[in-house]
Amino acid sequence: MTSYEVAAEGSVFGVVAVLVGGLVITGALIWAVRLGIKVRRDEPRPPRRSEQPTRPASGSAHDGREMREPDEMPRAADGSERLTPHRLNASGTKRSEDQTRPRWDSGTGGSFGGGGPGRT
């Protein structure tokens, strides 16, 4: 009989521990939600429609399209001269002098297996 009493006391302690743990977690979640509400209240309001940026009077901005070509690394005058970073260009390409866009040759397919007769 005493073994049943000991087992019953252990299960009561386990139930109480689970209830206390659940109350602690619930309290922490309620605190976090209230803190979030307070932080949100202190933030500035979102801008109104009239405060949003507007399109310029000249119309919408369009993307520029230009042909680019590789910009070669400048060569040192002789082998002993050192290239410093300020002598290098900002990007690896430059504006091409020939701005015509390359087109497909007539009579050729545009892709591998495109169904065209190919170059004849």
PDB file of N, CA and C in Angstrom:
ATOM      1  N   MET A   1       0.798  -1.189   0.000  1.00  0.00           N
ATOM      2  CA  MET A   1       0.000   0.000   0.000  1.00  0.00           C
ATOM      3  C   MET A   1       0.850   1.267   0.000  1.00  0.00           C
ATOM      4  N   THR A   2       1.958   1.236   0.640  1.00  0.00           N
ATOM      5  CA  THR A   2       2.782   2.440   0.682  1.00  0.00           C
ATOM      6  C   THR A   2       3.356   2.783  -0.683  1.00  0.00           C
ATOM      7  N   SER A   3       3.599   1.809  -1.517  1.00  0.00           N
ATOM      8  CA  SER A   3       4.121   2.099  -2.851  1.00  0.00           C
ATOM      9  C   SER A   3       3.088   2.846  -3.693  1.00  0.00           C
ATOM     10  N   TYR A   4       1.795   2.548  -3.489  1.00  0.00           N
ATOM     11  CA  TYR A   4       0.751   3.279  -4.204  1.00  0.00           C
ATOM     12  C   TYR A   4       0.657   4.726  -3.727  1.00  0.00           C
ATOM     13  N   GLU A   5       0.854   4.938  -2.450  1.00  0.00           N
ATOM     14  CA  GLU A   5       0.787   6.281  -1.900  1.00  0.00           C
ATOM     15  C   GLU A   5       1.963   7.133  -2.412  1.00  0.00           C
ATOM     16  N   VAL A   6       3.157   6.518  -2.495  1.00  0.00           N
ATOM     17  CA  VAL A   6       4.327   7.230  -2.997  1.00  0.00           C
ATOM     18  C   VAL A   6       4.132   7.578  -4.473  1.00  0.00           C
ATOM     19  N   ALA A   7       3.573   6.665  -5.241  1.00  0.00           N
ATOM     20  CA  ALA A   7       3.328   6.917  -6.660  1.00  0.00           C
ATOM     21  C   ALA A   7       2.305   8.027  -6.842  1.00  0.00           C
ATOM     22  N   ALA A   8       1.292   8.065  -5.987  1.00  0.00           N
ATOM     23  CA  ALA A   8       0.269   9.093  -6.081  1.00  0.00           C
ATOM     24  C   ALA A   8       0.849  10.457  -5.725  1.00  0.00           C
ATOM     25  N   GLU A   9       1.724  10.511  -4.711  1.00  0.00           N
ATOM     26  CA  GLU A   9       2.340  11.784  -4.348  1.00  0.00           C
ATOM     27  C   GLU A   9       3.222  12.316  -5.478  1.00  0.00           C
ATOM     28  N   GLY A  10       3.942  11.434  -6.188  1.00  0.00           N
ATOM     29  CA  GLY A  10       4.790  11.848  -7.307  1.00  0.00           C
ATOM     30  C   GLY A  10       3.971  12.401  -8.462  1.00  0.00           C
ATOM     31  N   SER A  11       2.829  11.818  -8.738  1.00  0.00           N
ATOM     32  CA  SER A  11       2.003  12.294  -9.847  1.00  0.00           C
ATOM     33  C   SER A  11       1.375  13.643  -9.518  1.00  0.00           C
ATOM     34  N   VAL A  12       1.031  13.874  -8.256  1.00  0.00           N
ATOM     35  CA  VAL A  12       0.482  15.163  -7.857  1.00  0.00           C
ATOM     36  C   VAL A  12       1.562  16.246  -8.033  1.00  0.00           C
ATOM     37  N   PHE A  13       2.783  15.942  -7.622  1.00  0.00           N
ATOM     38  CA  PHE A  13       3.874  16.899  -7.792  1.00  0.00           C
ATOM     39  C   PHE A  13       4.093  17.201  -9.280  1.00  0.00           C
ATOM     40  N   GLY A  14       4.016  16.204 -10.154  1.00  0.00           N
ATOM     41  CA  GLY A  14       4.191  16.411 -11.593  1.00  0.00           C
ATOM     42  C   GLY A  14       3.107  17.287 -12.176  1.00  0.00           C
ATOM     43  N   VAL A  15       1.865  17.075 -11.738  1.00  0.00           N
ATOM     44  CA  VAL A  15       0.748  17.880 -12.240  1.00  0.00           C
ATOM     45  C   VAL A  15       0.922  19.328 -11.800  1.00  0.00           C
ATOM     46  N   VAL A  16       1.314  19.547 -10.545  1.00  0.00           N
ATOM     47  CA  VAL A  16       1.513  20.905 -10.048  1.00  0.00           C
ATOM     48  C   VAL A  16       2.657  21.582 -10.810  1.00  0.00           C
ATOM     49  N   ALA A  17       3.731  20.856 -11.087  1.00  0.00           N
ATOM     50  CA  ALA A  17       4.866  21.421 -11.826  1.00  0.00           C
ATOM     51  C   ALA A  17       4.441  21.822 -13.240  1.00  0.00           C
ATOM     52  N   VAL A  18       3.637  21.002 -13.899  1.00  0.00           N
ATOM     53  CA  VAL A  18       3.167  21.325 -15.244  1.00  0.00           C
ATOM     54  C   VAL A  18       2.265  22.560 -15.208  1.00  0.00           C
ATOM     55  N   LEU A  19       1.375  22.651 -14.218  1.00  0.00           N
ATOM     56  CA  LEU A  19       0.488  23.812 -14.108  1.00  0.00           C
ATOM     57  C   LEU A  19       1.290  25.096 -13.856  1.00  0.00           C
ATOM     58  N   VAL A  20       2.275  25.044 -12.966  1.00  0.00           N
ATOM     59  CA  VAL A  20       3.090  26.226 -12.684  1.00  0.00           C
ATOM     60  C   VAL A  20       3.887  26.629 -13.928  1.00  0.00           C
ATOM     61  N   GLY A  21       4.459  25.646 -14.607  1.00  0.00           N
ATOM     62  CA  GLY A  21       5.195  25.951 -15.838  1.00  0.00           C
ATOM     63  C   GLY A  21       4.296  26.579 -16.888  1.00  0.00           C
ATOM     64  N   GLY A  22       3.076  26.078 -17.041  1.00  0.00           N
ATOM     65  CA  GLY A  22       2.126  26.649 -17.997  1.00  0.00           C
ATOM     66  C   GLY A  22       1.751  28.074 -17.645  1.00  0.00           C
ATOM     67  N   LEU A  23       1.566  28.349 -16.354  1.00  0.00           N
ATOM     68  CA  LEU A  23       1.244  29.713 -15.925  1.00  0.00           C
ATOM     69  C   LEU A  23       2.406  30.671 -16.177  1.00  0.00           C
ATOM     70  N   VAL A  24       3.633  30.208 -15.960  1.00  0.00           N
ATOM     71  CA  VAL A  24       4.807  31.052 -16.219  1.00  0.00           C
ATOM     72  C   VAL A  24       4.905  31.376 -17.708  1.00  0.00           C
ATOM     73  N   ILE A  25       4.726  30.390 -18.559  1.00  0.00           N
ATOM     74  CA  ILE A  25       4.801  30.614 -20.014  1.00  0.00           C
ATOM     75  C   ILE A  25       3.671  31.539 -20.463  1.00  0.00           C
ATOM     76  N   THR A  26       2.462  31.336 -19.942  1.00  0.00           N
ATOM     77  CA  THR A  26       1.336  32.200 -20.295  1.00  0.00           C
ATOM     78  C   THR A  26       1.602  33.638 -19.868  1.00  0.00           C
ATOM     79  N   GLY A  27       2.138  33.820 -18.670  1.00  0.00           N
ATOM     80  CA  GLY A  27       2.464  35.165 -18.198  1.00  0.00           C
ATOM     81  C   GLY A  27       3.517  35.825 -19.071  1.00  0.00           C
ATOM     82  N   ALA A  28       4.533  35.055 -19.487  1.00  0.00           N
ATOM     83  CA  ALA A  28       5.579  35.610 -20.354  1.00  0.00           C
ATOM     84  C   ALA A  28       5.002  36.025 -21.704  1.00  0.00           C
ATOM     85  N   LEU A  29       4.107  35.238 -22.263  1.00  0.00           N
ATOM     86  CA  LEU A  29       3.497  35.592 -23.551  1.00  0.00           C
ATOM     87  C   LEU A  29       2.623  36.842 -23.438  1.00  0.00           C
ATOM     88  N   ILE A  30       1.862  36.949 -22.370  1.00  0.00           N
ATOM     89  CA  ILE A  30       1.029  38.143 -22.171  1.00  0.00           C
ATOM     90  C   ILE A  30       1.918  39.374 -22.025  1.00  0.00           C
ATOM     91  N   TRP A  31       3.009  39.259 -21.277  1.00  0.00           N
ATOM     92  CA  TRP A  31       3.945  40.384 -21.115  1.00  0.00           C
ATOM     93  C   TRP A  31       4.543  40.800 -22.465  1.00  0.00           C
ATOM     94  N   ALA A  32       4.916  39.807 -23.288  1.00  0.00           N
ATOM     95  CA  ALA A  32       5.526  40.116 -24.586  1.00  0.00           C
ATOM     96  C   ALA A  32       4.531  40.821 -25.504  1.00  0.00           C
ATOM     97  N   VAL A  33       3.278  40.405 -25.501  1.00  0.00           N
ATOM     98  CA  VAL A  33       2.268  41.047 -26.349  1.00  0.00           C
ATOM     99  C   VAL A  33       2.038  42.485 -25.883  1.00  0.00           C
ATOM    100  N   ARG A  34       1.942  42.707 -24.587  1.00  0.00           N
ATOM    101  CA  ARG A  34       1.732  44.063 -24.078  1.00  0.00           C
ATOM    102  C   ARG A  34       2.925  44.962 -24.386  1.00  0.00           C
ATOM    103  N   LEU A  35       4.137  44.413 -24.270  1.00  0.00           N
ATOM    104  CA  LEU A  35       5.328  45.185 -24.625  1.00  0.00           C
ATOM    105  C   LEU A  35       5.313  45.546 -26.110  1.00  0.00           C
ATOM    106  N   GLY A  36       4.924  44.599 -26.972  1.00  0.00           N
ATOM    107  CA  GLY A  36       4.840  44.869 -28.409  1.00  0.00           C
ATOM    108  C   GLY A  36       3.819  45.949 -28.732  1.00  0.00           C
ATOM    109  N   ILE A  37       2.696  45.921 -28.044  1.00  0.00           N
ATOM    110  CA  ILE A  37       1.670  46.949 -28.260  1.00  0.00           C
ATOM    111  C   ILE A  37       2.208  48.317 -27.849  1.00  0.00           C
ATOM    112  N   LYS A  38       2.928  48.377 -26.726  1.00  0.00           N
ATOM    113  CA  LYS A  38       3.487  49.652 -26.259  1.00  0.00           C
ATOM    114  C   LYS A  38       4.527  50.185 -27.238  1.00  0.00           C
ATOM    115  N   VAL A  39       5.398  49.315 -27.741  1.00  0.00           N
ATOM    116  CA  VAL A  39       6.431  49.746 -28.703  1.00  0.00           C
ATOM    117  C   VAL A  39       5.769  50.223 -29.985  1.00  0.00           C
ATOM    118  N   ARG A  40       4.753  49.518 -30.443  1.00  0.00           N
ATOM    119  CA  ARG A  40       4.049  49.902 -31.675  1.00  0.00           C
ATOM    120  C   ARG A  40       3.366  51.260 -31.518  1.00  0.00           C
ATOM    121  N   ARG A  41       2.828  51.527 -30.329  1.00  0.00           N
ATOM    122  CA  ARG A  41       2.151  52.797 -30.074  1.00  0.00           C
ATOM    123  C   ARG A  41       3.143  53.960 -30.104  1.00  0.00           C
ATOM    124  N   ASP A  42       4.387  53.716 -29.692  1.00  0.00           N
ATOM    125  CA  ASP A  42       5.398  54.776 -29.658  1.00  0.00           C
ATOM    126  C   ASP A  42       6.025  55.054 -31.025  1.00  0.00           C
ATOM    127  N   GLU A  43       5.814  54.188 -32.002  1.00  0.00           N
ATOM    128  CA  GLU A  43       6.394  54.382 -33.344  1.00  0.00           C
ATOM    129  C   GLU A  43       5.645  55.484 -34.082  1.00  0.00           C
ATOM    130  N   PRO A  44       6.311  56.167 -35.030  1.00  0.00           N
ATOM    131  CA  PRO A  44       5.592  57.181 -35.820  1.00  0.00           C
ATOM    132  C   PRO A  44       4.570  56.513 -36.741  1.00  0.00           C
ATOM    133  N   ARG A  45       3.524  57.261 -37.042  1.00  0.00           N
ATOM    134  CA  ARG A  45       2.457  56.706 -37.888  1.00  0.00           C
ATOM    135  C   ARG A  45       2.951  56.554 -39.332  1.00  0.00           C
ATOM    136  N   PRO A  46       2.343  55.675 -40.104  1.00  0.00           N
ATOM    137  CA  PRO A  46       2.729  55.563 -41.516  1.00  0.00           C
ATOM    138  C   PRO A  46       2.305  56.815 -42.278  1.00  0.00           C
ATOM    139  N   PRO A  47       3.016  57.155 -43.363  1.00  0.00           N
ATOM    140  CA  PRO A  47       2.669  58.378 -44.110  1.00  0.00           C
ATOM    141  C   PRO A  47       1.312  58.252 -44.799  1.00  0.00           C
ATOM    142  N   ARG A  48       0.618  59.390 -44.906  1.00  0.00           N
ATOM    143  CA  ARG A  48      -0.672  59.421 -45.604  1.00  0.00           C
ATOM    144  C   ARG A  48      -0.430  59.391 -47.105  1.00  0.00           C
ATOM    145  N   ARG A  49      -1.494  59.198 -47.853  1.00  0.00           N
ATOM    146  CA  ARG A  49      -1.382  59.142 -49.312  1.00  0.00           C
ATOM    147  C   ARG A  49      -0.826  60.445 -49.868  1.00  0.00           C
ATOM    148  N   SER A  50      -1.209  61.562 -49.291  1.00  0.00           N
ATOM    149  CA  SER A  50      -0.736  62.858 -49.798  1.00  0.00           C
ATOM    150  C   SER A  50       0.741  63.080 -49.477  1.00  0.00           C
ATOM    151  N   GLU A  51       1.294  62.340 -48.520  1.00  0.00           N
ATOM    152  CA  GLU A  51       2.686  62.500 -48.142  1.00  0.00           C
ATOM    153  C   GLU A  51       3.614  61.552 -48.903  1.00  0.00           C
ATOM    154  N   GLN A  52       3.054  60.715 -49.742  1.00  0.00           N
ATOM    155  CA  GLN A  52       3.860  59.764 -50.512  1.00  0.00           C
ATOM    156  C   GLN A  52       4.614  60.497 -51.624  1.00  0.00           C
ATOM    157  N   PRO A  53       5.750  59.959 -52.070  1.00  0.00           N
ATOM    158  CA  PRO A  53       6.471  60.588 -53.189  1.00  0.00           C
ATOM    159  C   PRO A  53       5.613  60.595 -54.453  1.00  0.00           C
ATOM    160  N   THR A  54       5.802  61.618 -55.276  1.00  0.00           N
ATOM    161  CA  THR A  54       5.029  61.729 -56.520  1.00  0.00           C
ATOM    162  C   THR A  54       5.966  61.654 -57.720  1.00  0.00           C
ATOM    163  N   ARG A  55       5.380  61.377 -58.869  1.00  0.00           N
ATOM    164  CA  ARG A  55       6.128  61.294 -60.116  1.00  0.00           C
ATOM    165  C   ARG A  55       6.571  62.688 -60.549  1.00  0.00           C
ATOM    166  N   PRO A  56       7.768  62.823 -61.104  1.00  0.00           N
ATOM    167  CA  PRO A  56       8.212  64.151 -61.551  1.00  0.00           C
ATOM    168  C   PRO A  56       7.338  64.673 -62.688  1.00  0.00           C
ATOM    169  N   ALA A  57       7.321  65.992 -62.845  1.00  0.00           N
ATOM    170  CA  ALA A  57       6.494  66.621 -63.877  1.00  0.00           C
ATOM    171  C   ALA A  57       6.935  66.202 -65.278  1.00  0.00           C
ATOM    172  N   SER A  58       8.206  65.814 -65.435  1.00  0.00           N
ATOM    173  CA  SER A  58       8.705  65.419 -66.756  1.00  0.00           C
ATOM    174  C   SER A  58       8.242  64.022 -67.159  1.00  0.00           C
ATOM    175  N   GLY A  59       7.547  63.334 -66.285  1.00  0.00           N
ATOM    176  CA  GLY A  59       7.075  61.987 -66.603  1.00  0.00           C
ATOM    177  C   GLY A  59       7.878  60.952 -65.842  1.00  0.00           C
ATOM    178  N   SER A  60       7.524  59.709 -66.076  1.00  0.00           N
ATOM    179  CA  SER A  60       8.196  58.640 -65.346  1.00  0.00           C
ATOM    180  C   SER A  60       9.621  58.451 -65.867  1.00  0.00           C
ATOM    181  N   ALA A  61      10.450  57.986 -64.990  1.00  0.00           N
ATOM    182  CA  ALA A  61      11.846  57.742 -65.369  1.00  0.00           C
ATOM    183  C   ALA A  61      11.925  56.421 -66.131  1.00  0.00           C
ATOM    184  N   HIS A  62      12.717  56.396 -67.179  1.00  0.00           N
ATOM    185  CA  HIS A  62      12.877  55.186 -67.987  1.00  0.00           C
ATOM    186  C   HIS A  62      14.296  54.670 -67.837  1.00  0.00           C
ATOM    187  N   ASP A  63      14.415  53.383 -68.004  1.00  0.00           N
ATOM    188  CA  ASP A  63      15.742  52.788 -67.964  1.00  0.00           C
ATOM    189  C   ASP A  63      16.497  53.164 -69.224  1.00  0.00           C
ATOM    190  N   GLY A  64      17.758  53.484 -69.044  1.00  0.00           N
ATOM    191  CA  GLY A  64      18.602  53.746 -70.199  1.00  0.00           C
ATOM    192  C   GLY A  64      19.162  52.442 -70.726  1.00  0.00           C
ATOM    193  N   ARG A  65      19.314  52.346 -72.012  1.00  0.00           N
ATOM    194  CA  ARG A  65      19.849  51.132 -72.606  1.00  0.00           C
ATOM    195  C   ARG A  65      21.035  51.520 -73.473  1.00  0.00           C
ATOM    196  N   GLU A  66      22.162  50.903 -73.209  1.00  0.00           N
ATOM    197  CA  GLU A  66      23.343  51.191 -74.004  1.00  0.00           C
ATOM    198  C   GLU A  66      24.186  49.930 -74.109  1.00  0.00           C
ATOM    199  N   MET A  67      24.979  49.871 -75.135  1.00  0.00           N
ATOM    200  CA  MET A  67      25.883  48.744 -75.327  1.00  0.00           C
ATOM    201  C   MET A  67      27.159  49.023 -74.549  1.00  0.00           C
ATOM    202  N   ARG A  68      27.649  48.014 -73.842  1.00  0.00           N
ATOM    203  CA  ARG A  68      28.862  48.148 -73.047  1.00  0.00           C
ATOM    204  C   ARG A  68      29.910  47.185 -73.584  1.00  0.00           C
ATOM    205  N   GLU A  69      31.165  47.502 -73.347  1.00  0.00           N
ATOM    206  CA  GLU A  69      32.256  46.610 -73.745  1.00  0.00           C
ATOM    207  C   GLU A  69      33.257  46.543 -72.600  1.00  0.00           C
ATOM    208  N   PRO A  70      34.074  45.504 -72.558  1.00  0.00           N
ATOM    209  CA  PRO A  70      35.025  45.386 -71.456  1.00  0.00           C
ATOM    210  C   PRO A  70      36.005  46.551 -71.437  1.00  0.00           C
ATOM    211  N   ASP A  71      36.305  47.001 -70.248  1.00  0.00           N
ATOM    212  CA  ASP A  71      37.282  48.069 -70.059  1.00  0.00           C
ATOM    213  C   ASP A  71      38.580  47.405 -69.624  1.00  0.00           C
ATOM    214  N   GLU A  72      39.567  47.481 -70.473  1.00  0.00           N
ATOM    215  CA  GLU A  72      40.824  46.791 -70.202  1.00  0.00           C
ATOM    216  C   GLU A  72      41.575  47.420 -69.048  1.00  0.00           C
ATOM    217  N   MET A  73      42.329  46.610 -68.353  1.00  0.00           N
ATOM    218  CA  MET A  73      43.176  47.082 -67.253  1.00  0.00           C
ATOM    219  C   MET A  73      44.283  47.944 -67.839  1.00  0.00           C
ATOM    220  N   PRO A  74      44.498  49.139 -67.301  1.00  0.00           N
ATOM    221  CA  PRO A  74      45.573  49.966 -67.848  1.00  0.00           C
ATOM    222  C   PRO A  74      46.936  49.306 -67.606  1.00  0.00           C
ATOM    223  N   ARG A  75      47.780  49.418 -68.591  1.00  0.00           N
ATOM    224  CA  ARG A  75      49.129  48.826 -68.490  1.00  0.00           C
ATOM    225  C   ARG A  75      50.091  49.839 -67.901  1.00  0.00           C
ATOM    226  N   ALA A  76      50.994  49.353 -67.092  1.00  0.00           N
ATOM    227  CA  ALA A  76      52.033  50.226 -66.539  1.00  0.00           C
ATOM    228  C   ALA A  76      53.016  50.577 -67.658  1.00  0.00           C
ATOM    229  N   ALA A  77      53.639  51.753 -67.566  1.00  0.00           N
ATOM    230  CA  ALA A  77      54.569  52.196 -68.607  1.00  0.00           C
ATOM    231  C   ALA A  77      55.722  51.212 -68.754  1.00  0.00           C
ATOM    232  N   ASP A  78      56.222  50.748 -67.653  1.00  0.00           N
ATOM    233  CA  ASP A  78      57.254  49.714 -67.698  1.00  0.00           C
ATOM    234  C   ASP A  78      56.957  48.719 -66.574  1.00  0.00           C
ATOM    235  N   GLY A  79      57.694  47.659 -66.528  1.00  0.00           N
ATOM    236  CA  GLY A  79      57.418  46.606 -65.562  1.00  0.00           C
ATOM    237  C   GLY A  79      57.606  47.016 -64.114  1.00  0.00           C
ATOM    238  N   SER A  80      58.365  48.086 -63.850  1.00  0.00           N
ATOM    239  CA  SER A  80      58.651  48.465 -62.472  1.00  0.00           C
ATOM    240  C   SER A  80      57.593  49.407 -61.899  1.00  0.00           C
ATOM    241  N   GLU A  81      56.800  50.052 -62.768  1.00  0.00           N
ATOM    242  CA  GLU A  81      55.795  50.990 -62.265  1.00  0.00           C
ATOM    243  C   GLU A  81      54.618  50.222 -61.670  1.00  0.00           C
ATOM    244  N   ARG A  82      54.153  50.708 -60.550  1.00  0.00           N
ATOM    245  CA  ARG A  82      53.071  50.048 -59.842  1.00  0.00           C
ATOM    246  C   ARG A  82      51.735  50.715 -60.150  1.00  0.00           C
ATOM    247  N   LEU A  83      50.683  49.919 -60.372  1.00  0.00           N
ATOM    248  CA  LEU A  83      49.346  50.478 -60.557  1.00  0.00           C
ATOM    249  C   LEU A  83      48.710  50.670 -59.188  1.00  0.00           C
ATOM    250  N   THR A  84      48.184  51.849 -58.942  1.00  0.00           N
ATOM    251  CA  THR A  84      47.510  52.131 -57.679  1.00  0.00           C
ATOM    252  C   THR A  84      46.004  52.121 -57.904  1.00  0.00           C
ATOM    253  N   PRO A  85      45.219  51.923 -56.861  1.00  0.00           N
ATOM    254  CA  PRO A  85      43.763  51.809 -57.033  1.00  0.00           C
ATOM    255  C   PRO A  85      43.117  53.023 -57.690  1.00  0.00           C
ATOM    256  N   HIS A  86      43.615  54.227 -57.456  1.00  0.00           N
ATOM    257  CA  HIS A  86      42.966  55.397 -58.043  1.00  0.00           C
ATOM    258  C   HIS A  86      43.182  55.476 -59.556  1.00  0.00           C
ATOM    259  N   ARG A  87      44.109  54.695 -60.098  1.00  0.00           N
ATOM    260  CA  ARG A  87      44.310  54.683 -61.550  1.00  0.00           C
ATOM    261  C   ARG A  87      43.414  53.664 -62.236  1.00  0.00           C
ATOM    262  N   LEU A  88      42.765  52.792 -61.456  1.00  0.00           N
ATOM    263  CA  LEU A  88      41.856  51.807 -62.038  1.00  0.00           C
ATOM    264  C   LEU A  88      40.483  52.429 -62.220  1.00  0.00           C
ATOM    265  N   ASN A  89      39.711  51.913 -63.162  1.00  0.00           N
ATOM    266  CA  ASN A  89      38.371  52.433 -63.412  1.00  0.00           C
ATOM    267  C   ASN A  89      37.379  51.854 -62.415  1.00  0.00           C
ATOM    268  N   ALA A  90      36.248  52.548 -62.249  1.00  0.00           N
ATOM    269  CA  ALA A  90      35.263  52.155 -61.246  1.00  0.00           C
ATOM    270  C   ALA A  90      34.595  50.825 -61.586  1.00  0.00           C
ATOM    271  N   SER A  91      34.324  50.567 -62.842  1.00  0.00           N
ATOM    272  CA  SER A  91      33.683  49.307 -63.204  1.00  0.00           C
ATOM    273  C   SER A  91      34.514  48.618 -64.278  1.00  0.00           C
ATOM    274  N   GLY A  92      34.155  47.385 -64.546  1.00  0.00           N
ATOM    275  CA  GLY A  92      34.906  46.616 -65.529  1.00  0.00           C
ATOM    276  C   GLY A  92      34.443  46.817 -66.953  1.00  0.00           C
ATOM    277  N   THR A  93      33.472  47.724 -67.173  1.00  0.00           N
ATOM    278  CA  THR A  93      32.980  47.962 -68.531  1.00  0.00           C
ATOM    279  C   THR A  93      32.967  49.454 -68.813  1.00  0.00           C
ATOM    280  N   LYS A  94      32.884  49.773 -70.104  1.00  0.00           N
ATOM    281  CA  LYS A  94      32.773  51.174 -70.526  1.00  0.00           C
ATOM    282  C   LYS A  94      31.761  51.243 -71.663  1.00  0.00           C
ATOM    283  N   ARG A  95      31.293  52.452 -71.972  1.00  0.00           N
ATOM    284  CA  ARG A  95      30.307  52.639 -73.035  1.00  0.00           C
ATOM    285  C   ARG A  95      30.964  52.351 -74.375  1.00  0.00           C
ATOM    286  N   SER A  96      30.305  51.548 -75.177  1.00  0.00           N
ATOM    287  CA  SER A  96      30.840  51.187 -76.480  1.00  0.00           C
ATOM    288  C   SER A  96      30.622  52.331 -77.469  1.00  0.00           C
ATOM    289  N   GLU A  97      31.573  52.504 -78.375  1.00  0.00           N
ATOM    290  CA  GLU A  97      31.412  53.550 -79.394  1.00  0.00           C
ATOM    291  C   GLU A  97      30.344  53.146 -80.401  1.00  0.00           C
ATOM    292  N   ASP A  98      30.211  51.853 -80.685  1.00  0.00           N
ATOM    293  CA  ASP A  98      29.194  51.348 -81.608  1.00  0.00           C
ATOM    294  C   ASP A  98      27.961  50.963 -80.787  1.00  0.00           C
ATOM    295  N   GLN A  99      26.887  51.737 -80.895  1.00  0.00           N
ATOM    296  CA  GLN A  99      25.691  51.498 -80.094  1.00  0.00           C
ATOM    297  C   GLN A  99      24.628  50.687 -80.826  1.00  0.00           C
ATOM    298  N   THR A 100      24.953  50.106 -81.984  1.00  0.00           N
ATOM    299  CA  THR A 100      23.971  49.271 -82.667  1.00  0.00           C
ATOM    300  C   THR A 100      23.905  47.924 -81.963  1.00  0.00           C
ATOM    301  N   ARG A 101      22.685  47.443 -81.800  1.00  0.00           N
ATOM    302  CA  ARG A 101      22.487  46.177 -81.107  1.00  0.00           C
ATOM    303  C   ARG A 101      22.661  45.026 -82.085  1.00  0.00           C
ATOM    304  N   PRO A 102      23.331  43.957 -81.685  1.00  0.00           N
ATOM    305  CA  PRO A 102      23.489  42.813 -82.583  1.00  0.00           C
ATOM    306  C   PRO A 102      22.143  42.126 -82.804  1.00  0.00           C
ATOM    307  N   ARG A 103      21.884  41.716 -84.022  1.00  0.00           N
ATOM    308  CA  ARG A 103      20.635  41.028 -84.376  1.00  0.00           C
ATOM    309  C   ARG A 103      20.963  39.663 -84.934  1.00  0.00           C
ATOM    310  N   TRP A 104      19.954  38.813 -84.943  1.00  0.00           N
ATOM    311  CA  TRP A 104      20.138  37.485 -85.515  1.00  0.00           C
ATOM    312  C   TRP A 104      20.265  37.600 -87.027  1.00  0.00           C
ATOM    313  N   ASP A 105      21.076  36.731 -87.599  1.00  0.00           N
ATOM    314  CA  ASP A 105      21.152  36.665 -89.053  1.00  0.00           C
ATOM    315  C   ASP A 105      19.859  36.066 -89.582  1.00  0.00           C
ATOM    316  N   SER A 106      19.411  36.535 -90.741  1.00  0.00           N
ATOM    317  CA  SER A 106      18.190  35.971 -91.303  1.00  0.00           C
ATOM    318  C   SER A 106      18.452  34.533 -91.738  1.00  0.00           C
ATOM    319  N   GLY A 107      17.479  33.695 -91.535  1.00  0.00           N
ATOM    320  CA  GLY A 107      17.594  32.302 -91.939  1.00  0.00           C
ATOM    321  C   GLY A 107      18.238  31.420 -90.878  1.00  0.00           C
ATOM    322  N   THR A 108      18.536  31.945 -89.723  1.00  0.00           N
ATOM    323  CA  THR A 108      19.111  31.112 -88.664  1.00  0.00           C
ATOM    324  C   THR A 108      18.128  31.018 -87.518  1.00  0.00           C
ATOM    325  N   GLY A 109      18.227  29.951 -86.781  1.00  0.00           N
ATOM    326  CA  GLY A 109      17.369  29.772 -85.614  1.00  0.00           C
ATOM    327  C   GLY A 109      17.857  30.642 -84.470  1.00  0.00           C
ATOM    328  N   GLY A 110      16.937  30.974 -83.592  1.00  0.00           N
ATOM    329  CA  GLY A 110      17.297  31.815 -82.469  1.00  0.00           C
ATOM    330  C   GLY A 110      17.853  31.049 -81.298  1.00  0.00           C
ATOM    331  N   SER A 111      17.662  29.724 -81.289  1.00  0.00           N
ATOM    332  CA  SER A 111      18.164  28.948 -80.162  1.00  0.00           C
ATOM    333  C   SER A 111      18.438  27.530 -80.635  1.00  0.00           C
ATOM    334  N   PHE A 112      19.098  26.781 -79.800  1.00  0.00           N
ATOM    335  CA  PHE A 112      19.379  25.381 -80.136  1.00  0.00           C
ATOM    336  C   PHE A 112      18.054  24.636 -80.148  1.00  0.00           C
ATOM    337  N   GLY A 113      17.784  23.947 -81.215  1.00  0.00           N
ATOM    338  CA  GLY A 113      16.531  23.195 -81.309  1.00  0.00           C
ATOM    339  C   GLY A 113      15.322  24.062 -81.509  1.00  0.00           C
ATOM    340  N   GLY A 114      15.512  25.280 -82.034  1.00  0.00           N
ATOM    341  CA  GLY A 114      14.409  26.206 -82.207  1.00  0.00           C
ATOM    342  C   GLY A 114      13.503  25.858 -83.367  1.00  0.00           C
ATOM    343  N   GLY A 115      13.824  24.879 -84.152  1.00  0.00           N
ATOM    344  CA  GLY A 115      12.953  24.452 -85.243  1.00  0.00           C
ATOM    345  C   GLY A 115      13.259  25.119 -86.570  1.00  0.00           C
ATOM    346  N   GLY A 116      14.190  26.035 -86.616  1.00  0.00           N
ATOM    347  CA  GLY A 116      14.531  26.691 -87.871  1.00  0.00           C
ATOM    348  C   GLY A 116      15.401  25.796 -88.729  1.00  0.00           C
ATOM    349  N   PRO A 117      15.586  26.166 -90.020  1.00  0.00           N
ATOM    350  CA  PRO A 117      16.368  25.322 -90.897  1.00  0.00           C
ATOM    351  C   PRO A 117      17.867  25.389 -90.580  1.00  0.00           C
ATOM    352  N   GLY A 118      18.264  26.335 -89.766  1.00  0.00           N
ATOM    353  CA  GLY A 118      19.683  26.450 -89.461  1.00  0.00           C
ATOM    354  C   GLY A 118      20.404  27.221 -90.534  1.00  0.00           C
ATOM    355  N   ARG A 119      21.701  27.335 -90.411  1.00  0.00           N
ATOM    356  CA  ARG A 119      22.503  28.068 -91.383  1.00  0.00           C
ATOM    357  C   ARG A 119      22.687  27.184 -92.603  1.00  0.00           C
ATOM    358  N   THR A 120      22.331  27.701 -93.761  1.00  0.00           N
ATOM    359  CA  THR A 120      22.438  26.880 -94.980  1.00  0.00           C
ATOM    360  C   THR A 120      23.402  27.498 -95.960  1.00  0.00           C
TER     361      THR A 120
END
